[in-house]
Amino acid sequence: QVQLVESGGGLVQAGGSLRLSCVASGIIFSRNHMYWYRQAPGKQREYVASITSYGSTNYKDAVKGRFIISRDNAKNSVYLQMNSLKPEDTAIYYCSTPGSWGQGTQVTVSS
């Protein structure tokens, strides 16, 4: 059974930083591509960033240069370092791998 558990969300002022973490179990983590998505109130869930099993990364245009996705295969973990946060980054952030989702962690950015 795959489990993805996110942490690290919170309330931060615009311009601040947060680091999200996601710990995976029930998969061979090193072989899985990992993703971060987000869902703002009243909006559809959207792609934020991804990292392949071999470490190649990709980002939504709106977060390029501000967010960094990384992984630690020894810890079965994927991270999202979020810098220069904006109020429009406010959302529930979800960790994902094909077929599975975490429960999400709330990020709120105040202006």
PDB file of N, CA and C in Angstrom:
ATOM      1  N   GLN A   1       0.844  -1.186   0.000  1.00  0.00           N
ATOM      2  CA  GLN A   1       0.000   0.000   0.000  1.00  0.00           C
ATOM      3  C   GLN A   1       0.886   1.244   0.000  1.00  0.00           C
ATOM      4  N   VAL A   2       0.651   2.107  -0.993  1.00  0.00           N
ATOM      5  CA  VAL A   2       1.457   3.309  -1.112  1.00  0.00           C
ATOM      6  C   VAL A   2       0.942   4.373  -0.149  1.00  0.00           C
ATOM      7  N   GLN A   3       1.861   4.995   0.564  1.00  0.00           N
ATOM      8  CA  GLN A   3       1.513   6.132   1.427  1.00  0.00           C
ATOM      9  C   GLN A   3       2.448   7.281   1.128  1.00  0.00           C
ATOM     10  N   LEU A   4       1.862   8.465   1.004  1.00  0.00           N
ATOM     11  CA  LEU A   4       2.625   9.690   0.816  1.00  0.00           C
ATOM     12  C   LEU A   4       2.186  10.664   1.900  1.00  0.00           C
ATOM     13  N   VAL A   5       3.122  11.140   2.702  1.00  0.00           N
ATOM     14  CA  VAL A   5       2.785  12.000   3.828  1.00  0.00           C
ATOM     15  C   VAL A   5       3.550  13.312   3.697  1.00  0.00           C
ATOM     16  N   GLU A   6       2.794  14.397   3.484  1.00  0.00           N
ATOM     17  CA  GLU A   6       3.398  15.715   3.346  1.00  0.00           C
ATOM     18  C   GLU A   6       3.491  16.430   4.694  1.00  0.00           C
ATOM     19  N   SER A   7       4.424  17.338   4.787  1.00  0.00           N
ATOM     20  CA  SER A   7       4.551  18.203   5.958  1.00  0.00           C
ATOM     21  C   SER A   7       5.273  19.481   5.545  1.00  0.00           C
ATOM     22  N   GLY A   8       5.251  20.462   6.445  1.00  0.00           N
ATOM     23  CA  GLY A   8       6.010  21.677   6.199  1.00  0.00           C
ATOM     24  C   GLY A   8       5.198  22.891   5.800  1.00  0.00           C
ATOM     25  N   GLY A   9       3.908  22.717   5.595  1.00  0.00           N
ATOM     26  CA  GLY A   9       3.083  23.864   5.248  1.00  0.00           C
ATOM     27  C   GLY A   9       2.923  24.807   6.430  1.00  0.00           C
ATOM     28  N   GLY A  10       2.305  25.962   6.150  1.00  0.00           N
ATOM     29  CA  GLY A  10       2.082  26.929   7.213  1.00  0.00           C
ATOM     30  C   GLY A  10       1.712  28.277   6.666  1.00  0.00           C
ATOM     31  N   LEU A  11       1.740  29.256   7.558  1.00  0.00           N
ATOM     32  CA  LEU A  11       1.425  30.640   7.213  1.00  0.00           C
ATOM     33  C   LEU A  11       2.721  31.429   7.133  1.00  0.00           C
ATOM     34  N   VAL A  12       2.899  32.159   6.037  1.00  0.00           N
ATOM     35  CA  VAL A  12       4.117  32.930   5.841  1.00  0.00           C
ATOM     36  C   VAL A  12       3.753  34.240   5.149  1.00  0.00           C
ATOM     37  N   GLN A  13       4.538  35.256   5.402  1.00  0.00           N
ATOM     38  CA  GLN A  13       4.320  36.533   4.728  1.00  0.00           C
ATOM     39  C   GLN A  13       4.869  36.493   3.310  1.00  0.00           C
ATOM     40  N   ALA A  14       4.310  37.317   2.452  1.00  0.00           N
ATOM     41  CA  ALA A  14       4.813  37.427   1.084  1.00  0.00           C
ATOM     42  C   ALA A  14       6.307  37.728   1.111  1.00  0.00           C
ATOM     43  N   GLY A  15       7.034  37.045   0.230  1.00  0.00           N
ATOM     44  CA  GLY A  15       8.479  37.178   0.189  1.00  0.00           C
ATOM     45  C   GLY A  15       9.212  36.154   1.026  1.00  0.00           C
ATOM     46  N   GLY A  16       8.474  35.439   1.852  1.00  0.00           N
ATOM     47  CA  GLY A  16       9.086  34.439   2.723  1.00  0.00           C
ATOM     48  C   GLY A  16       9.308  33.110   2.030  1.00  0.00           C
ATOM     49  N   SER A  17       9.751  32.139   2.826  1.00  0.00           N
ATOM     50  CA  SER A  17      10.085  30.815   2.300  1.00  0.00           C
ATOM     51  C   SER A  17       9.466  29.726   3.158  1.00  0.00           C
ATOM     52  N   LEU A  18       9.201  28.611   2.528  1.00  0.00           N
ATOM     53  CA  LEU A  18       8.785  27.378   3.202  1.00  0.00           C
ATOM     54  C   LEU A  18       9.419  26.201   2.484  1.00  0.00           C
ATOM     55  N   ARG A  19       9.628  25.127   3.223  1.00  0.00           N
ATOM     56  CA  ARG A  19      10.127  23.894   2.622  1.00  0.00           C
ATOM     57  C   ARG A  19       9.141  22.778   2.924  1.00  0.00           C
ATOM     58  N   LEU A  20       8.548  22.231   1.879  1.00  0.00           N
ATOM     59  CA  LEU A  20       7.635  21.107   2.026  1.00  0.00           C
ATOM     60  C   LEU A  20       8.411  19.800   1.899  1.00  0.00           C
ATOM     61  N   SER A  21       7.960  18.817   2.663  1.00  0.00           N
ATOM     62  CA  SER A  21       8.549  17.486   2.601  1.00  0.00           C
ATOM     63  C   SER A  21       7.458  16.462   2.344  1.00  0.00           C
ATOM     64  N   CYS A  22       7.840  15.379   1.706  1.00  0.00           N
ATOM     65  CA  CYS A  22       6.922  14.263   1.462  1.00  0.00           C
ATOM     66  C   CYS A  22       7.701  12.975   1.637  1.00  0.00           C
ATOM     67  N   VAL A  23       7.225  12.143   2.562  1.00  0.00           N
ATOM     68  CA  VAL A  23       7.853  10.847   2.787  1.00  0.00           C
ATOM     69  C   VAL A  23       6.971   9.766   2.181  1.00  0.00           C
ATOM     70  N   ALA A  24       7.576   8.902   1.399  1.00  0.00           N
ATOM     71  CA  ALA A  24       6.840   7.847   0.706  1.00  0.00           C
ATOM     72  C   ALA A  24       7.137   6.486   1.317  1.00  0.00           C
ATOM     73  N   SER A  25       6.135   5.627   1.295  1.00  0.00           N
ATOM     74  CA  SER A  25       6.318   4.229   1.701  1.00  0.00           C
ATOM     75  C   SER A  25       5.467   3.361   0.790  1.00  0.00           C
ATOM     76  N   GLY A  26       5.838   2.082   0.715  1.00  0.00           N
ATOM     77  CA  GLY A  26       5.074   1.153  -0.103  1.00  0.00           C
ATOM     78  C   GLY A  26       5.450   1.158  -1.573  1.00  0.00           C
ATOM     79  N   ILE A  27       6.517   1.889  -1.921  1.00  0.00           N
ATOM     80  CA  ILE A  27       7.005   1.919  -3.308  1.00  0.00           C
ATOM     81  C   ILE A  27       8.523   1.794  -3.294  1.00  0.00           C
ATOM     82  N   ILE A  28       9.069   1.427  -4.451  1.00  0.00           N
ATOM     83  CA  ILE A  28      10.523   1.490  -4.606  1.00  0.00           C
ATOM     84  C   ILE A  28      10.820   2.917  -5.012  1.00  0.00           C
ATOM     85  N   PHE A  29      11.046   3.746  -4.016  1.00  0.00           N
ATOM     86  CA  PHE A  29      11.061   5.192  -4.212  1.00  0.00           C
ATOM     87  C   PHE A  29      12.043   5.621  -5.302  1.00  0.00           C
ATOM     88  N   SER A  30      13.201   5.029  -5.318  1.00  0.00           N
ATOM     89  CA  SER A  30      14.242   5.475  -6.249  1.00  0.00           C
ATOM     90  C   SER A  30      13.838   5.286  -7.704  1.00  0.00           C
ATOM     91  N   ARG A  31      12.855   4.456  -7.953  1.00  0.00           N
ATOM     92  CA  ARG A  31      12.425   4.185  -9.321  1.00  0.00           C
ATOM     93  C   ARG A  31      11.247   5.043  -9.769  1.00  0.00           C
ATOM     94  N   ASN A  32      10.694   5.818  -8.809  1.00  0.00           N
ATOM     95  CA  ASN A  32       9.468   6.564  -9.102  1.00  0.00           C
ATOM     96  C   ASN A  32       9.732   8.036  -9.427  1.00  0.00           C
ATOM     97  N   HIS A  33       9.045   8.512 -10.463  1.00  0.00           N
ATOM     98  CA  HIS A  33       8.970   9.947 -10.679  1.00  0.00           C
ATOM     99  C   HIS A  33       8.059  10.516  -9.590  1.00  0.00           C
ATOM    100  N   MET A  34       8.389  11.697  -9.100  1.00  0.00           N
ATOM    101  CA  MET A  34       7.623  12.328  -8.023  1.00  0.00           C
ATOM    102  C   MET A  34       7.154  13.714  -8.454  1.00  0.00           C
ATOM    103  N   TYR A  35       5.996  14.108  -7.955  1.00  0.00           N
ATOM    104  CA  TYR A  35       5.351  15.343  -8.393  1.00  0.00           C
ATOM    105  C   TYR A  35       4.835  16.130  -7.193  1.00  0.00           C
ATOM    106  N   TRP A  36       4.785  17.443  -7.360  1.00  0.00           N
ATOM    107  CA  TRP A  36       4.044  18.329  -6.460  1.00  0.00           C
ATOM    108  C   TRP A  36       2.940  19.011  -7.284  1.00  0.00           C
ATOM    109  N   TYR A  37       1.739  18.988  -6.730  1.00  0.00           N
ATOM    110  CA  TYR A  37       0.600  19.699  -7.284  1.00  0.00           C
ATOM    111  C   TYR A  37       0.066  20.635  -6.200  1.00  0.00           C
ATOM    112  N   ARG A  38      -0.811  21.535  -6.603  1.00  0.00           N
ATOM    113  CA  ARG A  38      -1.474  22.403  -5.627  1.00  0.00           C
ATOM    114  C   ARG A  38      -2.898  22.698  -6.070  1.00  0.00           C
ATOM    115  N   GLN A  39      -3.734  23.016  -5.091  1.00  0.00           N
ATOM    116  CA  GLN A  39      -5.124  23.362  -5.369  1.00  0.00           C
ATOM    117  C   GLN A  39      -5.518  24.543  -4.506  1.00  0.00           C
ATOM    118  N   ALA A  40      -5.808  25.650  -5.166  1.00  0.00           N
ATOM    119  CA  ALA A  40      -6.255  26.857  -4.486  1.00  0.00           C
ATOM    120  C   ALA A  40      -7.771  26.808  -4.323  1.00  0.00           C
ATOM    121  N   PRO A  41      -8.324  27.546  -3.357  1.00  0.00           N
ATOM    122  CA  PRO A  41      -9.770  27.548  -3.152  1.00  0.00           C
ATOM    123  C   PRO A  41     -10.517  27.915  -4.430  1.00  0.00           C
ATOM    124  N   GLY A  42     -11.497  27.092  -4.799  1.00  0.00           N
ATOM    125  CA  GLY A  42     -12.321  27.362  -5.968  1.00  0.00           C
ATOM    126  C   GLY A  42     -11.660  27.092  -7.302  1.00  0.00           C
ATOM    127  N   LYS A  43     -10.460  26.516  -7.277  1.00  0.00           N
ATOM    128  CA  LYS A  43      -9.740  26.252  -8.522  1.00  0.00           C
ATOM    129  C   LYS A  43      -9.416  24.775  -8.655  1.00  0.00           C
ATOM    130  N   GLN A  44      -9.074  24.379  -9.875  1.00  0.00           N
ATOM    131  CA  GLN A  44      -8.690  22.988 -10.105  1.00  0.00           C
ATOM    132  C   GLN A  44      -7.261  22.736  -9.613  1.00  0.00           C
ATOM    133  N   ARG A  45      -6.999  21.493  -9.302  1.00  0.00           N
ATOM    134  CA  ARG A  45      -5.645  21.111  -8.918  1.00  0.00           C
ATOM    135  C   ARG A  45      -4.721  21.323 -10.107  1.00  0.00           C
ATOM    136  N   GLU A  46      -3.531  21.838  -9.844  1.00  0.00           N
ATOM    137  CA  GLU A  46      -2.603  22.123 -10.935  1.00  0.00           C
ATOM    138  C   GLU A  46      -1.206  21.610 -10.622  1.00  0.00           C
ATOM    139  N   TYR A  47      -0.500  21.292 -11.676  1.00  0.00           N
ATOM    140  CA  TYR A  47       0.881  20.835 -11.586  1.00  0.00           C
ATOM    141  C   TYR A  47       1.782  21.967 -11.118  1.00  0.00           C
ATOM    142  N   VAL A  48       2.741  21.638 -10.260  1.00  0.00           N
ATOM    143  CA  VAL A  48       3.702  22.629  -9.791  1.00  0.00           C
ATOM    144  C   VAL A  48       5.125  22.267 -10.227  1.00  0.00           C
ATOM    145  N   ALA A  49       5.529  21.043  -9.927  1.00  0.00           N
ATOM    146  CA  ALA A  49       6.909  20.640 -10.223  1.00  0.00           C
ATOM    147  C   ALA A  49       6.997  19.128 -10.210  1.00  0.00           C
ATOM    148  N   SER A  50       8.050  18.620 -10.854  1.00  0.00           N
ATOM    149  CA  SER A  50       8.275  17.180 -10.868  1.00  0.00           C
ATOM    150  C   SER A  50       9.766  16.888 -10.922  1.00  0.00           C
ATOM    151  N   ILE A  51      10.102  15.688 -10.474  1.00  0.00           N
ATOM    152  CA  ILE A  51      11.485  15.214 -10.535  1.00  0.00           C
ATOM    153  C   ILE A  51      11.449  13.747 -10.938  1.00  0.00           C
ATOM    154  N   THR A  52      12.242  13.417 -11.942  1.00  0.00           N
ATOM    155  CA  THR A  52      12.251  12.037 -12.408  1.00  0.00           C
ATOM    156  C   THR A  52      13.084  11.157 -11.481  1.00  0.00           C
ATOM    157  N   SER A  53      13.048   9.869 -11.757  1.00  0.00           N
ATOM    158  CA  SER A  53      13.806   8.923 -10.937  1.00  0.00           C
ATOM    159  C   SER A  53      15.308   9.188 -11.036  1.00  0.00           C
ATOM    160  N   TYR A  54      15.748   9.802 -12.125  1.00  0.00           N
ATOM    161  CA  TYR A  54      17.179  10.079 -12.304  1.00  0.00           C
ATOM    162  C   TYR A  54      17.517  11.535 -12.017  1.00  0.00           C
ATOM    163  N   GLY A  55      16.542  12.304 -11.480  1.00  0.00           N
ATOM    164  CA  GLY A  55      16.849  13.635 -10.973  1.00  0.00           C
ATOM    165  C   GLY A  55      16.578  14.801 -11.889  1.00  0.00           C
ATOM    166  N   SER A  56      16.026  14.563 -13.040  1.00  0.00           N
ATOM    167  CA  SER A  56      15.671  15.656 -13.940  1.00  0.00           C
ATOM    168  C   SER A  56      14.429  16.365 -13.409  1.00  0.00           C
ATOM    169  N   THR A  57      14.455  17.707 -13.452  1.00  0.00           N
ATOM    170  CA  THR A  57      13.359  18.469 -12.864  1.00  0.00           C
ATOM    171  C   THR A  57      12.608  19.286 -13.909  1.00  0.00           C
ATOM    172  N   ASN A  58      11.364  19.623 -13.553  1.00  0.00           N
ATOM    173  CA  ASN A  58      10.542  20.464 -14.416  1.00  0.00           C
ATOM    174  C   ASN A  58       9.609  21.272 -13.519  1.00  0.00           C
ATOM    175  N   TYR A  59       9.228  22.472 -13.990  1.00  0.00           N
ATOM    176  CA  TYR A  59       8.432  23.386 -13.164  1.00  0.00           C
ATOM    177  C   TYR A  59       7.336  24.063 -13.971  1.00  0.00           C
ATOM    178  N   LYS A  60       6.254  24.388 -13.276  1.00  0.00           N
ATOM    179  CA  LYS A  60       5.247  25.283 -13.813  1.00  0.00           C
ATOM    180  C   LYS A  60       5.918  26.650 -14.018  1.00  0.00           C
ATOM    181  N   ASP A  61       5.569  27.328 -15.112  1.00  0.00           N
ATOM    182  CA  ASP A  61       6.227  28.599 -15.415  1.00  0.00           C
ATOM    183  C   ASP A  61       6.134  29.596 -14.255  1.00  0.00           C
ATOM    184  N   ALA A  62       5.001  29.629 -13.580  1.00  0.00           N
ATOM    185  CA  ALA A  62       4.772  30.633 -12.540  1.00  0.00           C
ATOM    186  C   ALA A  62       5.693  30.465 -11.326  1.00  0.00           C
ATOM    187  N   VAL A  63       6.319  29.303 -11.186  1.00  0.00           N
ATOM    188  CA  VAL A  63       7.179  29.081 -10.020  1.00  0.00           C
ATOM    189  C   VAL A  63       8.646  28.945 -10.388  1.00  0.00           C
ATOM    190  N   LYS A  64       8.945  28.969 -11.671  1.00  0.00           N
ATOM    191  CA  LYS A  64      10.342  28.838 -12.103  1.00  0.00           C
ATOM    192  C   LYS A  64      11.184  29.959 -11.509  1.00  0.00           C
ATOM    193  N   GLY A  65      12.341  29.594 -10.995  1.00  0.00           N
ATOM    194  CA  GLY A  65      13.227  30.563 -10.381  1.00  0.00           C
ATOM    195  C   GLY A  65      12.929  30.833  -8.917  1.00  0.00           C
ATOM    196  N   ARG A  66      11.782  30.351  -8.429  1.00  0.00           N
ATOM    197  CA  ARG A  66      11.415  30.551  -7.018  1.00  0.00           C
ATOM    198  C   ARG A  66      11.332  29.232  -6.244  1.00  0.00           C
ATOM    199  N   PHE A  67      10.890  28.175  -6.892  1.00  0.00           N
ATOM    200  CA  PHE A  67      10.714  26.878  -6.244  1.00  0.00           C
ATOM    201  C   PHE A  67      11.800  25.915  -6.726  1.00  0.00           C
ATOM    202  N   ILE A  68      12.210  25.037  -5.830  1.00  0.00           N
ATOM    203  CA  ILE A  68      13.185  24.001  -6.177  1.00  0.00           C
ATOM    204  C   ILE A  68      12.688  22.657  -5.650  1.00  0.00           C
ATOM    205  N   ILE A  69      12.567  21.691  -6.563  1.00  0.00           N
ATOM    206  CA  ILE A  69      12.197  20.333  -6.160  1.00  0.00           C
ATOM    207  C   ILE A  69      13.468  19.500  -6.059  1.00  0.00           C
ATOM    208  N   SER A  70      13.504  18.643  -5.054  1.00  0.00           N
ATOM    209  CA  SER A  70      14.666  17.767  -4.881  1.00  0.00           C
ATOM    210  C   SER A  70      14.204  16.463  -4.244  1.00  0.00           C
ATOM    211  N   ARG A  71      15.079  15.493  -4.233  1.00  0.00           N
ATOM    212  CA  ARG A  71      14.730  14.195  -3.643  1.00  0.00           C
ATOM    213  C   ARG A  71      15.934  13.619  -2.920  1.00  0.00           C
ATOM    214  N   ASP A  72      15.642  12.793  -1.918  1.00  0.00           N
ATOM    215  CA  ASP A  72      16.660  12.044  -1.187  1.00  0.00           C
ATOM    216  C   ASP A  72      16.201  10.596  -1.176  1.00  0.00           C
ATOM    217  N   ASN A  73      16.756   9.804  -2.061  1.00  0.00           N
ATOM    218  CA  ASN A  73      16.312   8.415  -2.182  1.00  0.00           C
ATOM    219  C   ASN A  73      16.600   7.603  -0.915  1.00  0.00           C
ATOM    220  N   ALA A  74      17.644   7.965  -0.197  1.00  0.00           N
ATOM    221  CA  ALA A  74      17.973   7.244   1.042  1.00  0.00           C
ATOM    222  C   ALA A  74      16.910   7.452   2.110  1.00  0.00           C
ATOM    223  N   LYS A  75      16.182   8.566   2.009  1.00  0.00           N
ATOM    224  CA  LYS A  75      15.136   8.875   2.985  1.00  0.00           C
ATOM    225  C   LYS A  75      13.733   8.718   2.404  1.00  0.00           C
ATOM    226  N   ASN A  76      13.636   8.192   1.188  1.00  0.00           N
ATOM    227  CA  ASN A  76      12.329   8.041   0.523  1.00  0.00           C
ATOM    228  C   ASN A  76      11.544   9.355   0.547  1.00  0.00           C
ATOM    229  N   SER A  77      12.242  10.433   0.309  1.00  0.00           N
ATOM    230  CA  SER A  77      11.627  11.753   0.463  1.00  0.00           C
ATOM    231  C   SER A  77      11.839  12.641  -0.750  1.00  0.00           C
ATOM    232  N   VAL A  78      10.817  13.472  -0.980  1.00  0.00           N
ATOM    233  CA  VAL A  78      10.889  14.515  -1.992  1.00  0.00           C
ATOM    234  C   VAL A  78      10.564  15.834  -1.308  1.00  0.00           C
ATOM    235  N   TYR A  79      11.198  16.899  -1.762  1.00  0.00           N
ATOM    236  CA  TYR A  79      11.072  18.198  -1.116  1.00  0.00           C
ATOM    237  C   TYR A  79      10.670  19.263  -2.138  1.00  0.00           C
ATOM    238  N   LEU A  80      10.063  20.318  -1.619  1.00  0.00           N
ATOM    239  CA  LEU A  80       9.782  21.489  -2.437  1.00  0.00           C
ATOM    240  C   LEU A  80      10.190  22.721  -1.637  1.00  0.00           C
ATOM    241  N   GLN A  81      11.307  23.317  -2.026  1.00  0.00           N
ATOM    242  CA  GLN A  81      11.756  24.551  -1.408  1.00  0.00           C
ATOM    243  C   GLN A  81      11.077  25.706  -2.131  1.00  0.00           C
ATOM    244  N   MET A  82      10.327  26.489  -1.390  1.00  0.00           N
ATOM    245  CA  MET A  82       9.547  27.580  -1.987  1.00  0.00           C
ATOM    246  C   MET A  82      10.070  28.910  -1.445  1.00  0.00           C
ATOM    247  N   ASN A  83      10.611  29.722  -2.329  1.00  0.00           N
ATOM    248  CA  ASN A  83      11.166  31.025  -1.977  1.00  0.00           C
ATOM    249  C   ASN A  83      10.363  32.141  -2.636  1.00  0.00           C
ATOM    250  N   SER A  84      10.553  33.342  -2.124  1.00  0.00           N
ATOM    251  CA  SER A  84       9.866  34.517  -2.685  1.00  0.00           C
ATOM    252  C   SER A  84       8.376  34.250  -2.864  1.00  0.00           C
ATOM    253  N   LEU A  85       7.767  33.716  -1.838  1.00  0.00           N
ATOM    254  CA  LEU A  85       6.358  33.321  -1.923  1.00  0.00           C
ATOM    255  C   LEU A  85       5.448  34.517  -2.149  1.00  0.00           C
ATOM    256  N   LYS A  86       4.387  34.275  -2.899  1.00  0.00           N
ATOM    257  CA  LYS A  86       3.399  35.300  -3.248  1.00  0.00           C
ATOM    258  C   LYS A  86       2.028  34.858  -2.741  1.00  0.00           C
ATOM    259  N   PRO A  87       1.126  35.793  -2.522  1.00  0.00           N
ATOM    260  CA  PRO A  87      -0.223  35.410  -2.083  1.00  0.00           C
ATOM    261  C   PRO A  87      -0.885  34.411  -3.037  1.00  0.00           C
ATOM    262  N   GLU A  88      -0.585  34.502  -4.307  1.00  0.00           N
ATOM    263  CA  GLU A  88      -1.189  33.569  -5.269  1.00  0.00           C
ATOM    264  C   GLU A  88      -0.629  32.153  -5.176  1.00  0.00           C
ATOM    265  N   ASP A  89       0.378  31.951  -4.354  1.00  0.00           N
ATOM    266  CA  ASP A  89       0.880  30.597  -4.084  1.00  0.00           C
ATOM    267  C   ASP A  89       0.057  29.898  -2.999  1.00  0.00           C
ATOM    268  N   THR A  90      -0.872  30.615  -2.386  1.00  0.00           N
ATOM    269  CA  THR A  90      -1.720  30.021  -1.354  1.00  0.00           C
ATOM    270  C   THR A  90      -2.535  28.879  -1.932  1.00  0.00           C
ATOM    271  N   ALA A  91      -2.413  27.705  -1.321  1.00  0.00           N
ATOM    272  CA  ALA A  91      -3.095  26.511  -1.820  1.00  0.00           C
ATOM    273  C   ALA A  91      -2.802  25.347  -0.878  1.00  0.00           C
ATOM    274  N   ILE A  92      -3.501  24.252  -1.119  1.00  0.00           N
ATOM    275  CA  ILE A  92      -3.111  22.985  -0.511  1.00  0.00           C
ATOM    276  C   ILE A  92      -2.135  22.326  -1.485  1.00  0.00           C
ATOM    277  N   TYR A  93      -0.993  21.924  -0.984  1.00  0.00           N
ATOM    278  CA  TYR A  93       0.045  21.319  -1.806  1.00  0.00           C
ATOM    279  C   TYR A  93       0.043  19.803  -1.583  1.00  0.00           C
ATOM    280  N   TYR A  94       0.046  19.087  -2.702  1.00  0.00           N
ATOM    281  CA  TYR A  94      -0.035  17.630  -2.680  1.00  0.00           C
ATOM    282  C   TYR A  94       1.210  17.007  -3.301  1.00  0.00           C
ATOM    283  N   CYS A  95       1.678  15.978  -2.655  1.00  0.00           N
ATOM    284  CA  CYS A  95       2.736  15.131  -3.196  1.00  0.00           C
ATOM    285  C   CYS A  95       2.069  13.998  -3.964  1.00  0.00           C
ATOM    286  N   SER A  96       2.692  13.593  -5.067  1.00  0.00           N
ATOM    287  CA  SER A  96       2.074  12.553  -5.885  1.00  0.00           C
ATOM    288  C   SER A  96       3.124  11.710  -6.591  1.00  0.00           C
ATOM    289  N   THR A  97       2.762  10.474  -6.831  1.00  0.00           N
ATOM    290  CA  THR A  97       3.487   9.587  -7.723  1.00  0.00           C
ATOM    291  C   THR A  97       2.403   8.857  -8.514  1.00  0.00           C
ATOM    292  N   PRO A  98       2.678   8.356  -9.688  1.00  0.00           N
ATOM    293  CA  PRO A  98       1.599   7.783 -10.493  1.00  0.00           C
ATOM    294  C   PRO A  98       0.713   6.810  -9.718  1.00  0.00           C
ATOM    295  N   GLY A  99      -0.568   7.157  -9.644  1.00  0.00           N
ATOM    296  CA  GLY A  99      -1.555   6.321  -8.976  1.00  0.00           C
ATOM    297  C   GLY A  99      -1.796   6.655  -7.524  1.00  0.00           C
ATOM    298  N   SER A 100      -1.031   7.569  -6.951  1.00  0.00           N
ATOM    299  CA  SER A 100      -1.156   7.850  -5.518  1.00  0.00           C
ATOM    300  C   SER A 100      -0.997   9.336  -5.222  1.00  0.00           C
ATOM    301  N   TRP A 101      -1.709   9.760  -4.156  1.00  0.00           N
ATOM    302  CA  TRP A 101      -1.676  11.144  -3.694  1.00  0.00           C
ATOM    303  C   TRP A 101      -1.513  11.160  -2.184  1.00  0.00           C
ATOM    304  N   GLY A 102      -0.852  12.205  -1.697  1.00  0.00           N
ATOM    305  CA  GLY A 102      -0.838  12.444  -0.267  1.00  0.00           C
ATOM    306  C   GLY A 102      -2.099  13.171   0.155  1.00  0.00           C
ATOM    307  N   GLN A 103      -2.160  13.489   1.460  1.00  0.00           N
ATOM    308  CA  GLN A 103      -3.350  14.151   1.984  1.00  0.00           C
ATOM    309  C   GLN A 103      -3.288  15.662   1.816  1.00  0.00           C
ATOM    310  N   GLY A 104      -2.122  16.182   1.522  1.00  0.00           N
ATOM    311  CA  GLY A 104      -1.953  17.602   1.284  1.00  0.00           C
ATOM    312  C   GLY A 104      -1.504  18.355   2.526  1.00  0.00           C
ATOM    313  N   THR A 105      -0.861  19.489   2.288  1.00  0.00           N
ATOM    314  CA  THR A 105      -0.443  20.376   3.371  1.00  0.00           C
ATOM    315  C   THR A 105      -0.766  21.816   2.943  1.00  0.00           C
ATOM    316  N   GLN A 106      -1.350  22.568   3.867  1.00  0.00           N
ATOM    317  CA  GLN A 106      -1.829  23.913   3.542  1.00  0.00           C
ATOM    318  C   GLN A 106      -0.684  24.917   3.574  1.00  0.00           C
ATOM    319  N   VAL A 107      -0.603  25.713   2.526  1.00  0.00           N
ATOM    320  CA  VAL A 107       0.331  26.839   2.468  1.00  0.00           C
ATOM    321  C   VAL A 107      -0.483  28.113   2.301  1.00  0.00           C
ATOM    322  N   THR A 108      -0.295  29.048   3.217  1.00  0.00           N
ATOM    323  CA  THR A 108      -0.999  30.317   3.153  1.00  0.00           C
ATOM    324  C   THR A 108       0.025  31.441   3.157  1.00  0.00           C
ATOM    325  N   VAL A 109      -0.056  32.303   2.144  1.00  0.00           N
ATOM    326  CA  VAL A 109       0.877  33.419   2.020  1.00  0.00           C
ATOM    327  C   VAL A 109       0.090  34.715   2.186  1.00  0.00           C
ATOM    328  N   SER A 110       0.429  35.463   3.217  1.00  0.00           N
ATOM    329  CA  SER A 110      -0.283  36.718   3.487  1.00  0.00           C
ATOM    330  C   SER A 110       0.429  37.885   2.809  1.00  0.00           C
ATOM    331  N   SER A 111      -0.369  38.859   2.415  1.00  0.00           N
ATOM    332  CA  SER A 111       0.204  40.025   1.712  1.00  0.00           C
ATOM    333  C   SER A 111       0.596  41.117   2.685  1.00  0.00           C
TER     334      SER A 111
END
